[in-house]
C-alpha cells in the first residue's frame, strides 16, 4: 500500500494535510492541545483577533439547536498586543501553520492588525473575517457588500506578502461574486462558509433566547448549504477554497473536497469531540488507500455532474 501524499496548497502556503481547525472553536490553540497533537493537523486558525480587546456580547450568547448551535459570542478576544506577547509564543512551538483570523469594524483596523502581525514569523497566513459590522456604515456587514470585500482585500494585500484568505459570508445571493471580488484584489484563497444568521425564542417569555437576538448558525444543519456554496465558487472562480460548515466526520470532509475544497476546517465538531481532527484525518487516509488515490489533492473538484 503506497503512502498517500496528503499535502495541499493554499496559495503559496503548503499544508501537510487538508485538516484545519476553524477560528473561534479551539481558542488560541493551547486549549485544544490537551486533546490532540497539533503537529498532526494541517493548520490552526486562531480565534478572531481585533486591534483592541473585546469582551463580546453579554450572556446568553451560545445555544444548542436541533442539528448544531447558535453563537453570538461577539468576537470576544484579548486584543492584538496580548495576542503577540501571550499567545504567539505558545503557537510558535507548535509545528503547524498558524493562520491568524482578523476581525475589525473599519478598513483601517484590518490594515493595522495585519501590519502589526506581518513580521511575526509564527504567523503563516491571514484569514480575514469580513462578517463584521462596519461601524462607519451603520453596522452593515462588510461581507454583504461586494465593493467593501474588494476594498478590504486590496488594502490588506498592500500590507503583507503572506497568504490572504477571505472568509466569506453565506448570507448573500451569489457567493461566487464575492470570491471573484476577493481574487481580483489579490486574495490567495477564500474560506466558505461563515455561519448563517439564525435566532430562537423562549415561548414562555416571548423573548429571544440570545441576548444579541440573532446569532450564527453552525453545525450539521448548514452542511448542504455550505457544500452548495463551495461548488458554486469552484465552478465559477479559479481560486483555492477552504470548505467549512457542519463537517462531523471524514465522509463530510471528503464530500467537501469533491465539491471543490482544497482543504477543510472543523468547527462545531470540536465542541462535541475535541479529538475529531485526528479521526477525520485517519478516515481520509483510509479512504484514499481503499480507492487508490495517491494524492489527496486530486480529490478537489473531482465531482461528476453529467
C-alpha atoms as a PDB file:
ATOM      1  CA  UNK A   1       0.000   0.000   0.000  1.00  0.00           C
ATOM      2  CA  UNK A   2       1.649   3.238  -1.130  1.00  0.00           C
ATOM      3  CA  UNK A   3       1.768   6.209   1.188  1.00  0.00           C
ATOM      4  CA  UNK A   4      -0.770   8.914   0.326  1.00  0.00           C
ATOM      5  CA  UNK A   5       0.538  12.394  -0.437  1.00  0.00           C
ATOM      6  CA  UNK A   6      -1.593  14.449   1.954  1.00  0.00           C
ATOM      7  CA  UNK A   7      -0.102  17.858   1.154  1.00  0.00           C
ATOM      8  CA  UNK A   8      -2.332  20.623  -0.212  1.00  0.00           C
ATOM      9  CA  UNK A   9      -1.556  24.125  -1.398  1.00  0.00           C
ATOM     10  CA  UNK A  10      -3.381  27.285  -0.328  1.00  0.00           C
ATOM     11  CA  UNK A  11      -1.760  29.927  -2.488  1.00  0.00           C
ATOM     12  CA  UNK A  12       1.957  29.653  -1.746  1.00  0.00           C
ATOM     13  CA  UNK A  13       1.277  28.042   1.632  1.00  0.00           C
ATOM     14  CA  UNK A  14       1.738  24.269   1.686  1.00  0.00           C
ATOM     15  CA  UNK A  15      -0.113  22.347   4.384  1.00  0.00           C
ATOM     16  CA  UNK A  16       0.930  18.848   5.420  1.00  0.00           C
ATOM     17  CA  UNK A  17      -2.706  17.763   5.149  1.00  0.00           C
ATOM     18  CA  UNK A  18      -6.089  19.406   4.447  1.00  0.00           C
ATOM     19  CA  UNK A  19      -7.495  19.205   8.000  1.00  0.00           C
ATOM     20  CA  UNK A  20      -7.636  22.628   9.671  1.00  0.00           C
ATOM     21  CA  UNK A  21      -9.193  23.845  12.919  1.00  0.00           C
ATOM     22  CA  UNK A  22     -11.673  26.692  12.470  1.00  0.00           C
ATOM     23  CA  UNK A  23     -11.445  30.086  14.118  1.00  0.00           C
ATOM     24  CA  UNK A  24     -13.290  30.522  17.393  1.00  0.00           C
ATOM     25  CA  UNK A  25     -13.674  26.831  18.130  1.00  0.00           C
ATOM     26  CA  UNK A  26     -10.271  25.997  19.634  1.00  0.00           C
ATOM     27  CA  UNK A  27      -9.285  29.254  21.331  1.00  0.00           C
ATOM     28  CA  UNK A  28      -5.660  30.103  20.692  1.00  0.00           C
ATOM     29  CA  UNK A  29      -4.510  26.503  20.374  1.00  0.00           C
ATOM     30  CA  UNK A  30      -3.356  25.755  23.908  1.00  0.00           C
ATOM     31  CA  UNK A  31      -6.829  24.595  24.939  1.00  0.00           C
ATOM     32  CA  UNK A  32      -7.226  22.004  22.175  1.00  0.00           C
ATOM     33  CA  UNK A  33      -3.595  20.871  22.530  1.00  0.00           C
ATOM     34  CA  UNK A  34      -4.620  18.928  25.650  1.00  0.00           C
ATOM     35  CA  UNK A  35      -6.653  16.612  23.409  1.00  0.00           C
ATOM     36  CA  UNK A  36      -4.782  16.406  20.087  1.00  0.00           C
ATOM     37  CA  UNK A  37      -1.256  16.660  18.734  1.00  0.00           C
ATOM     38  CA  UNK A  38      -1.202  19.963  16.847  1.00  0.00           C
ATOM     39  CA  UNK A  39       1.782  18.675  14.892  1.00  0.00           C
ATOM     40  CA  UNK A  40      -0.514  16.239  13.070  1.00  0.00           C
ATOM     41  CA  UNK A  41      -3.054  18.708  11.669  1.00  0.00           C
ATOM     42  CA  UNK A  42      -2.779  20.870   8.560  1.00  0.00           C
ATOM     43  CA  UNK A  43      -3.194  24.244  10.264  1.00  0.00           C
ATOM     44  CA  UNK A  44      -4.854  26.011  13.157  1.00  0.00           C
ATOM     45  CA  UNK A  45      -6.879  29.167  12.601  1.00  0.00           C
ATOM     46  CA  UNK A  46      -6.780  31.380  15.684  1.00  0.00           C
ATOM     47  CA  UNK A  47      -9.743  32.879  17.437  1.00  0.00           C
ATOM     48  CA  UNK A  48     -10.530  36.236  15.804  1.00  0.00           C
ATOM     49  CA  UNK A  49      -8.126  38.986  16.819  1.00  0.00           C
ATOM     50  CA  UNK A  50      -9.080  42.664  16.850  1.00  0.00           C
ATOM     51  CA  UNK A  51      -6.964  45.744  17.394  1.00  0.00           C
ATOM     52  CA  UNK A  52      -8.289  46.287  20.925  1.00  0.00           C
ATOM     53  CA  UNK A  53      -9.558  43.667  23.422  1.00  0.00           C
ATOM     54  CA  UNK A  54     -13.254  42.834  23.135  1.00  0.00           C
ATOM     55  CA  UNK A  55     -15.483  41.472  25.878  1.00  0.00           C
ATOM     56  CA  UNK A  56     -18.028  40.309  23.346  1.00  0.00           C
ATOM     57  CA  UNK A  57     -21.764  40.098  23.888  1.00  0.00           C
ATOM     58  CA  UNK A  58     -23.483  39.513  27.210  1.00  0.00           C
ATOM     59  CA  UNK A  59     -24.864  36.021  28.015  1.00  0.00           C
ATOM     60  CA  UNK A  60     -26.764  34.126  26.910  1.00  0.00           C
ATOM     61  CA  UNK A  61     -24.576  34.000  23.848  1.00  0.00           C
ATOM     62  CA  UNK A  62     -24.460  30.343  22.859  1.00  0.00           C
ATOM     63  CA  UNK A  63     -27.349  27.983  22.293  1.00  0.00           C
ATOM     64  CA  UNK A  64     -27.681  24.372  21.198  1.00  0.00           C
ATOM     65  CA  UNK A  65     -30.049  23.718  18.294  1.00  0.00           C
ATOM     66  CA  UNK A  66     -31.567  20.545  16.853  1.00  0.00           C
ATOM     67  CA  UNK A  67     -28.636  19.990  14.500  1.00  0.00           C
ATOM     68  CA  UNK A  68     -25.942  22.425  15.556  1.00  0.00           C
ATOM     69  CA  UNK A  69     -25.578  25.596  17.567  1.00  0.00           C
ATOM     70  CA  UNK A  70     -26.242  29.315  17.549  1.00  0.00           C
ATOM     71  CA  UNK A  71     -23.475  31.562  18.792  1.00  0.00           C
ATOM     72  CA  UNK A  72     -23.381  35.281  19.424  1.00  0.00           C
ATOM     73  CA  UNK A  73     -20.058  35.465  21.225  1.00  0.00           C
ATOM     74  CA  UNK A  74     -19.349  38.844  19.649  1.00  0.00           C
ATOM     75  CA  UNK A  75     -15.700  38.238  18.712  1.00  0.00           C
ATOM     76  CA  UNK A  76     -14.501  38.342  22.328  1.00  0.00           C
ATOM     77  CA  UNK A  77     -10.691  38.299  22.327  1.00  0.00           C
ATOM     78  CA  UNK A  78      -7.581  39.500  24.141  1.00  0.00           C
ATOM     79  CA  UNK A  79      -6.619  42.141  21.568  1.00  0.00           C
ATOM     80  CA  UNK A  80      -3.594  42.216  19.336  1.00  0.00           C
ATOM     81  CA  UNK A  81      -0.972  43.302  21.887  1.00  0.00           C
ATOM     82  CA  UNK A  82      -1.741  40.476  24.325  1.00  0.00           C
ATOM     83  CA  UNK A  83      -2.014  38.083  21.405  1.00  0.00           C
ATOM     84  CA  UNK A  84       1.551  38.929  20.389  1.00  0.00           C
ATOM     85  CA  UNK A  85       3.012  38.722  23.899  1.00  0.00           C
ATOM     86  CA  UNK A  86       0.935  35.925  25.462  1.00  0.00           C
ATOM     87  CA  UNK A  87      -0.453  33.702  22.684  1.00  0.00           C
ATOM     88  CA  UNK A  88       2.042  33.663  19.827  1.00  0.00           C
ATOM     89  CA  UNK A  89       4.912  32.195  21.944  1.00  0.00           C
ATOM     90  CA  UNK A  90       2.899  29.009  22.524  1.00  0.00           C
ATOM     91  CA  UNK A  91       1.729  28.850  18.913  1.00  0.00           C
ATOM     92  CA  UNK A  92       5.290  29.160  17.610  1.00  0.00           C
ATOM     93  CA  UNK A  93       6.238  25.991  19.492  1.00  0.00           C
ATOM     94  CA  UNK A  94       3.667  24.036  17.526  1.00  0.00           C
ATOM     95  CA  UNK A  95       4.839  22.520  14.277  1.00  0.00           C
ATOM     96  CA  UNK A  96       1.680  23.503  12.415  1.00  0.00           C
ATOM     97  CA  UNK A  97       0.990  26.516  10.207  1.00  0.00           C
ATOM     98  CA  UNK A  98      -0.738  29.268  12.166  1.00  0.00           C
ATOM     99  CA  UNK A  99      -3.380  31.254  10.310  1.00  0.00           C
ATOM    100  CA  UNK A 100      -4.437  34.387  12.144  1.00  0.00           C
ATOM    101  CA  UNK A 101      -8.096  35.339  11.834  1.00  0.00           C
ATOM    102  CA  UNK A 102      -8.568  39.126  11.800  1.00  0.00           C
ATOM    103  CA  UNK A 103     -11.781  40.927  12.787  1.00  0.00           C
ATOM    104  CA  UNK A 104     -12.370  44.673  12.548  1.00  0.00           C
ATOM    105  CA  UNK A 105     -15.067  47.321  12.349  1.00  0.00           C
ATOM    106  CA  UNK A 106     -13.246  49.626   9.919  1.00  0.00           C
ATOM    107  CA  UNK A 107     -10.973  49.009   6.940  1.00  0.00           C
ATOM    108  CA  UNK A 108      -8.201  50.865   8.758  1.00  0.00           C
ATOM    109  CA  UNK A 109      -8.392  48.381  11.637  1.00  0.00           C
ATOM    110  CA  UNK A 110      -7.976  45.402   9.295  1.00  0.00           C
ATOM    111  CA  UNK A 111      -4.906  47.034   7.801  1.00  0.00           C
ATOM    112  CA  UNK A 112      -3.391  47.951  11.172  1.00  0.00           C
ATOM    113  CA  UNK A 113      -3.869  44.420  12.557  1.00  0.00           C
ATOM    114  CA  UNK A 114      -2.180  42.856   9.534  1.00  0.00           C
ATOM    115  CA  UNK A 115       0.618  45.426   9.635  1.00  0.00           C
ATOM    116  CA  UNK A 116       1.311  44.715  13.313  1.00  0.00           C
ATOM    117  CA  UNK A 117       1.358  40.946  12.779  1.00  0.00           C
ATOM    118  CA  UNK A 118       3.144  40.840   9.435  1.00  0.00           C
ATOM    119  CA  UNK A 119       6.646  40.488  10.910  1.00  0.00           C
ATOM    120  CA  UNK A 120       5.651  37.731  13.346  1.00  0.00           C
ATOM    121  CA  UNK A 121       7.319  34.622  11.915  1.00  0.00           C
ATOM    122  CA  UNK A 122       4.866  32.450  13.865  1.00  0.00           C
ATOM    123  CA  UNK A 123       2.018  33.667  11.649  1.00  0.00           C
ATOM    124  CA  UNK A 124       1.934  31.919   8.272  1.00  0.00           C
ATOM    125  CA  UNK A 125      -1.202  33.455   6.739  1.00  0.00           C
ATOM    126  CA  UNK A 126      -4.177  35.719   7.480  1.00  0.00           C
ATOM    127  CA  UNK A 127      -7.841  34.796   7.359  1.00  0.00           C
ATOM    128  CA  UNK A 128      -9.846  37.994   7.046  1.00  0.00           C
ATOM    129  CA  UNK A 129     -13.255  37.789   8.696  1.00  0.00           C
ATOM    130  CA  UNK A 130     -15.432  40.123   6.632  1.00  0.00           C
ATOM    131  CA  UNK A 131     -18.595  39.119   8.506  1.00  0.00           C
ATOM    132  CA  UNK A 132     -18.100  42.061  10.865  1.00  0.00           C
ATOM    133  CA  UNK A 133     -20.293  45.179  11.184  1.00  0.00           C
ATOM    134  CA  UNK A 134     -18.856  48.275   9.503  1.00  0.00           C
ATOM    135  CA  UNK A 135     -19.277  50.994  12.118  1.00  0.00           C
ATOM    136  CA  UNK A 136     -18.877  53.712   9.503  1.00  0.00           C
ATOM    137  CA  UNK A 137     -21.837  52.379   7.522  1.00  0.00           C
ATOM    138  CA  UNK A 138     -24.430  51.948  10.239  1.00  0.00           C
ATOM    139  CA  UNK A 139     -23.399  48.451  11.277  1.00  0.00           C
ATOM    140  CA  UNK A 140     -23.986  46.697   7.958  1.00  0.00           C
ATOM    141  CA  UNK A 141     -21.707  43.712   7.452  1.00  0.00           C
ATOM    142  CA  UNK A 142     -18.639  44.175   5.248  1.00  0.00           C
ATOM    143  CA  UNK A 143     -19.205  40.711   3.826  1.00  0.00           C
ATOM    144  CA  UNK A 144     -22.547  41.652   2.260  1.00  0.00           C
ATOM    145  CA  UNK A 145     -21.024  44.490   0.211  1.00  0.00           C
ATOM    146  CA  UNK A 146     -19.056  43.499  -2.902  1.00  0.00           C
ATOM    147  CA  UNK A 147     -17.154  46.772  -3.045  1.00  0.00           C
ATOM    148  CA  UNK A 148     -16.159  46.529   0.612  1.00  0.00           C
ATOM    149  CA  UNK A 149     -14.894  42.962   0.257  1.00  0.00           C
ATOM    150  CA  UNK A 150     -12.795  44.079  -2.694  1.00  0.00           C
ATOM    151  CA  UNK A 151     -11.512  47.157  -0.889  1.00  0.00           C
ATOM    152  CA  UNK A 152     -10.566  45.256   2.292  1.00  0.00           C
ATOM    153  CA  UNK A 153      -8.721  42.655   0.224  1.00  0.00           C
ATOM    154  CA  UNK A 154      -6.888  45.352  -1.737  1.00  0.00           C
ATOM    155  CA  UNK A 155      -5.807  47.278   1.378  1.00  0.00           C
ATOM    156  CA  UNK A 156      -4.704  44.180   3.295  1.00  0.00           C
ATOM    157  CA  UNK A 157      -2.856  42.828   0.242  1.00  0.00           C
ATOM    158  CA  UNK A 158      -0.821  46.043   0.067  1.00  0.00           C
ATOM    159  CA  UNK A 159       0.447  45.461   3.606  1.00  0.00           C
ATOM    160  CA  UNK A 160       1.596  41.837   3.552  1.00  0.00           C
ATOM    161  CA  UNK A 161       3.187  39.272   1.285  1.00  0.00           C
ATOM    162  CA  UNK A 162       1.792  36.419   3.381  1.00  0.00           C
ATOM    163  CA  UNK A 163      -1.191  34.458   2.040  1.00  0.00           C
ATOM    164  CA  UNK A 164      -4.561  36.160   2.477  1.00  0.00           C
ATOM    165  CA  UNK A 165      -7.730  34.103   2.897  1.00  0.00           C
ATOM    166  CA  UNK A 166     -11.060  35.944   2.785  1.00  0.00           C
ATOM    167  CA  UNK A 167     -13.727  34.249   4.936  1.00  0.00           C
ATOM    168  CA  UNK A 168     -16.953  34.704   3.003  1.00  0.00           C
ATOM    169  CA  UNK A 169     -20.452  35.192   4.339  1.00  0.00           C
ATOM    170  CA  UNK A 170     -23.146  32.801   3.034  1.00  0.00           C
ATOM    171  CA  UNK A 171     -25.835  35.413   3.674  1.00  0.00           C
ATOM    172  CA  UNK A 172     -25.651  36.718   0.097  1.00  0.00           C
ATOM    173  CA  UNK A 173     -27.354  35.835  -3.203  1.00  0.00           C
ATOM    174  CA  UNK A 174     -24.253  34.738  -5.150  1.00  0.00           C
ATOM    175  CA  UNK A 175     -21.199  33.911  -3.066  1.00  0.00           C
ATOM    176  CA  UNK A 176     -19.115  33.406  -6.225  1.00  0.00           C
ATOM    177  CA  UNK A 177     -19.342  37.150  -6.934  1.00  0.00           C
ATOM    178  CA  UNK A 178     -17.636  37.814  -3.608  1.00  0.00           C
ATOM    179  CA  UNK A 179     -14.981  35.163  -4.267  1.00  0.00           C
ATOM    180  CA  UNK A 180     -14.293  36.837  -7.618  1.00  0.00           C
ATOM    181  CA  UNK A 181     -14.010  40.259  -5.964  1.00  0.00           C
ATOM    182  CA  UNK A 182     -11.527  38.864  -3.438  1.00  0.00           C
ATOM    183  CA  UNK A 183      -9.472  37.166  -6.144  1.00  0.00           C
ATOM    184  CA  UNK A 184      -9.396  40.293  -8.294  1.00  0.00           C
ATOM    185  CA  UNK A 185      -7.831  42.292  -5.457  1.00  0.00           C
ATOM    186  CA  UNK A 186      -5.180  39.709  -4.597  1.00  0.00           C
ATOM    187  CA  UNK A 187      -6.665  37.132  -2.231  1.00  0.00           C
ATOM    188  CA  UNK A 188      -4.867  33.782  -2.286  1.00  0.00           C
ATOM    189  CA  UNK A 189      -7.903  31.785  -1.176  1.00  0.00           C
ATOM    190  CA  UNK A 190     -11.395  32.010   0.296  1.00  0.00           C
ATOM    191  CA  UNK A 191     -12.987  30.239   3.256  1.00  0.00           C
ATOM    192  CA  UNK A 192     -16.589  29.179   2.679  1.00  0.00           C
ATOM    193  CA  UNK A 193     -18.741  29.420   4.576  1.00  0.00           C
ATOM    194  CA  UNK A 194     -19.080  31.533   7.681  1.00  0.00           C
ATOM    195  CA  UNK A 195     -22.175  30.983   9.822  1.00  0.00           C
ATOM    196  CA  UNK A 196     -25.752  31.612   8.722  1.00  0.00           C
ATOM    197  CA  UNK A 197     -27.916  34.121  10.569  1.00  0.00           C
ATOM    198  CA  UNK A 198     -30.374  32.475  12.967  1.00  0.00           C
ATOM    199  CA  UNK A 199     -32.432  33.159  16.066  1.00  0.00           C
ATOM    200  CA  UNK A 200     -34.543  31.388  18.698  1.00  0.00           C
ATOM    201  CA  UNK A 201     -37.326  32.426  21.100  1.00  0.00           C
ATOM    202  CA  UNK A 202     -38.447  31.410  24.556  1.00  0.00           C
ATOM    203  CA  UNK A 203     -42.150  30.634  24.044  1.00  0.00           C
ATOM    204  CA  UNK A 204     -42.989  31.425  27.682  1.00  0.00           C
ATOM    205  CA  UNK A 205     -41.388  34.855  27.901  1.00  0.00           C
ATOM    206  CA  UNK A 206     -41.617  35.523  24.131  1.00  0.00           C
ATOM    207  CA  UNK A 207     -38.102  36.936  24.329  1.00  0.00           C
ATOM    208  CA  UNK A 208     -35.105  35.912  22.208  1.00  0.00           C
ATOM    209  CA  UNK A 209     -33.008  33.193  23.794  1.00  0.00           C
ATOM    210  CA  UNK A 210     -29.841  35.013  22.733  1.00  0.00           C
ATOM    211  CA  UNK A 211     -29.079  38.356  24.339  1.00  0.00           C
ATOM    212  CA  UNK A 212     -27.946  39.592  20.933  1.00  0.00           C
ATOM    213  CA  UNK A 213     -31.293  38.427  19.399  1.00  0.00           C
ATOM    214  CA  UNK A 214     -29.564  36.763  16.414  1.00  0.00           C
ATOM    215  CA  UNK A 215     -26.500  34.577  16.205  1.00  0.00           C
ATOM    216  CA  UNK A 216     -24.510  32.478  13.792  1.00  0.00           C
ATOM    217  CA  UNK A 217     -25.878  29.020  12.997  1.00  0.00           C
ATOM    218  CA  UNK A 218     -23.253  26.297  12.586  1.00  0.00           C
ATOM    219  CA  UNK A 219     -23.100  22.515  12.714  1.00  0.00           C
ATOM    220  CA  UNK A 220     -24.580  19.681  10.609  1.00  0.00           C
ATOM    221  CA  UNK A 221     -27.696  21.719   9.761  1.00  0.00           C
ATOM    222  CA  UNK A 222     -25.730  24.017   7.453  1.00  0.00           C
ATOM    223  CA  UNK A 223     -23.641  21.395   5.648  1.00  0.00           C
ATOM    224  CA  UNK A 224     -25.805  21.099   2.477  1.00  0.00           C
ATOM    225  CA  UNK A 225     -25.816  24.897   2.131  1.00  0.00           C
ATOM    226  CA  UNK A 226     -22.056  25.096   2.642  1.00  0.00           C
ATOM    227  CA  UNK A 227     -21.461  22.358   0.063  1.00  0.00           C
ATOM    228  CA  UNK A 228     -23.590  24.198  -2.480  1.00  0.00           C
ATOM    229  CA  UNK A 229     -21.671  27.430  -1.874  1.00  0.00           C
ATOM    230  CA  UNK A 230     -18.301  25.661  -2.275  1.00  0.00           C
ATOM    231  CA  UNK A 231     -19.496  24.066  -5.503  1.00  0.00           C
ATOM    232  CA  UNK A 232     -20.753  27.435  -6.798  1.00  0.00           C
ATOM    233  CA  UNK A 233     -17.398  29.085  -6.155  1.00  0.00           C
ATOM    234  CA  UNK A 234     -15.427  26.212  -7.676  1.00  0.00           C
ATOM    235  CA  UNK A 235     -17.483  26.247 -10.866  1.00  0.00           C
ATOM    236  CA  UNK A 236     -17.190  29.994 -11.370  1.00  0.00           C
ATOM    237  CA  UNK A 237     -13.916  31.223  -9.820  1.00  0.00           C
ATOM    238  CA  UNK A 238     -10.424  29.768 -10.099  1.00  0.00           C
ATOM    239  CA  UNK A 239      -9.270  30.220  -6.503  1.00  0.00           C
ATOM    240  CA  UNK A 240      -8.420  27.763  -3.688  1.00  0.00           C
ATOM    241  CA  UNK A 241     -11.382  27.162  -1.368  1.00  0.00           C
ATOM    242  CA  UNK A 242     -11.298  26.129   2.275  1.00  0.00           C
ATOM    243  CA  UNK A 243     -14.572  24.352   2.977  1.00  0.00           C
ATOM    244  CA  UNK A 244     -16.364  24.951   6.276  1.00  0.00           C
ATOM    245  CA  UNK A 245     -19.804  24.044   7.545  1.00  0.00           C
ATOM    246  CA  UNK A 246     -21.063  21.079   9.534  1.00  0.00           C
ATOM    247  CA  UNK A 247     -18.165  18.704   8.898  1.00  0.00           C
ATOM    248  CA  UNK A 248     -18.559  15.963  11.508  1.00  0.00           C
ATOM    249  CA  UNK A 249     -16.636  13.022  10.046  1.00  0.00           C
ATOM    250  CA  UNK A 250     -14.234  12.003   7.281  1.00  0.00           C
ATOM    251  CA  UNK A 251     -17.095  11.377   4.857  1.00  0.00           C
ATOM    252  CA  UNK A 252     -18.183  15.004   5.199  1.00  0.00           C
ATOM    253  CA  UNK A 253     -14.596  16.162   4.659  1.00  0.00           C
ATOM    254  CA  UNK A 254     -14.240  14.043   1.514  1.00  0.00           C
ATOM    255  CA  UNK A 255     -17.550  15.403   0.219  1.00  0.00           C
ATOM    256  CA  UNK A 256     -16.337  18.998   0.610  1.00  0.00           C
ATOM    257  CA  UNK A 257     -13.132  18.217  -1.277  1.00  0.00           C
ATOM    258  CA  UNK A 258     -15.046  16.519  -4.077  1.00  0.00           C
ATOM    259  CA  UNK A 259     -17.275  19.635  -4.274  1.00  0.00           C
ATOM    260  CA  UNK A 260     -14.203  21.832  -4.786  1.00  0.00           C
ATOM    261  CA  UNK A 261     -12.471  22.476  -1.457  1.00  0.00           C
ATOM    262  CA  UNK A 262      -8.674  22.262  -1.340  1.00  0.00           C
ATOM    263  CA  UNK A 263      -8.795  21.983   2.454  1.00  0.00           C
ATOM    264  CA  UNK A 264     -11.439  21.920   5.173  1.00  0.00           C
ATOM    265  CA  UNK A 265     -11.961  23.483   8.582  1.00  0.00           C
ATOM    266  CA  UNK A 266     -13.552  21.791  11.581  1.00  0.00           C
ATOM    267  CA  UNK A 267     -15.691  23.962  13.841  1.00  0.00           C
ATOM    268  CA  UNK A 268     -18.709  22.821  15.859  1.00  0.00           C
ATOM    269  CA  UNK A 269     -17.464  19.212  15.954  1.00  0.00           C
ATOM    270  CA  UNK A 270     -14.542  20.339  18.156  1.00  0.00           C
ATOM    271  CA  UNK A 271     -17.020  21.082  20.960  1.00  0.00           C
ATOM    272  CA  UNK A 272     -18.543  17.607  20.651  1.00  0.00           C
ATOM    273  CA  UNK A 273     -15.317  15.654  20.193  1.00  0.00           C
ATOM    274  CA  UNK A 274     -12.019  17.539  20.665  1.00  0.00           C
ATOM    275  CA  UNK A 275     -10.167  14.610  19.049  1.00  0.00           C
ATOM    276  CA  UNK A 276     -12.257  14.721  15.860  1.00  0.00           C
ATOM    277  CA  UNK A 277      -9.499  16.192  13.685  1.00  0.00           C
ATOM    278  CA  UNK A 278      -7.191  13.208  14.104  1.00  0.00           C
ATOM    279  CA  UNK A 279     -10.048  10.753  13.482  1.00  0.00           C
ATOM    280  CA  UNK A 280     -11.129  12.615  10.348  1.00  0.00           C
ATOM    281  CA  UNK A 281      -7.575  12.673   9.010  1.00  0.00           C
ATOM    282  CA  UNK A 282      -7.214   8.918   9.577  1.00  0.00           C
ATOM    283  CA  UNK A 283     -10.528   8.335   7.816  1.00  0.00           C
ATOM    284  CA  UNK A 284      -9.399  10.363   4.807  1.00  0.00           C
ATOM    285  CA  UNK A 285      -6.156   8.395   4.599  1.00  0.00           C
ATOM    286  CA  UNK A 286      -8.030   5.076   4.717  1.00  0.00           C
ATOM    287  CA  UNK A 287     -10.456   6.331   2.054  1.00  0.00           C
ATOM    288  CA  UNK A 288      -7.578   7.295  -0.241  1.00  0.00           C
ATOM    289  CA  UNK A 289      -5.859   3.947   0.256  1.00  0.00           C
ATOM    290  CA  UNK A 290      -9.033   1.958  -0.451  1.00  0.00           C
ATOM    291  CA  UNK A 291      -9.698   3.974  -3.606  1.00  0.00           C
ATOM    292  CA  UNK A 292      -6.098   4.012  -4.910  1.00  0.00           C
ATOM    293  CA  UNK A 293      -5.815   7.792  -4.524  1.00  0.00           C
ATOM    294  CA  UNK A 294      -2.112   8.690  -4.411  1.00  0.00           C
ATOM    295  CA  UNK A 295      -2.560  12.437  -3.829  1.00  0.00           C
ATOM    296  CA  UNK A 296      -5.391  13.725  -1.679  1.00  0.00           C
ATOM    297  CA  UNK A 297      -5.319  16.997  -3.643  1.00  0.00           C
ATOM    298  CA  UNK A 298      -6.677  15.090  -6.659  1.00  0.00           C
ATOM    299  CA  UNK A 299      -9.983  14.829  -4.784  1.00  0.00           C
ATOM    300  CA  UNK A 300     -10.526  18.582  -5.074  1.00  0.00           C
ATOM    301  CA  UNK A 301     -13.237  19.368  -7.606  1.00  0.00           C
ATOM    302  CA  UNK A 302     -13.495  15.739  -8.739  1.00  0.00           C
ATOM    303  CA  UNK A 303     -17.301  15.891  -8.913  1.00  0.00           C
ATOM    304  CA  UNK A 304     -19.153  14.360 -11.841  1.00  0.00           C
ATOM    305  CA  UNK A 305     -22.193  16.451 -12.773  1.00  0.00           C
ATOM    306  CA  UNK A 306     -23.128  14.686 -16.025  1.00  0.00           C
END
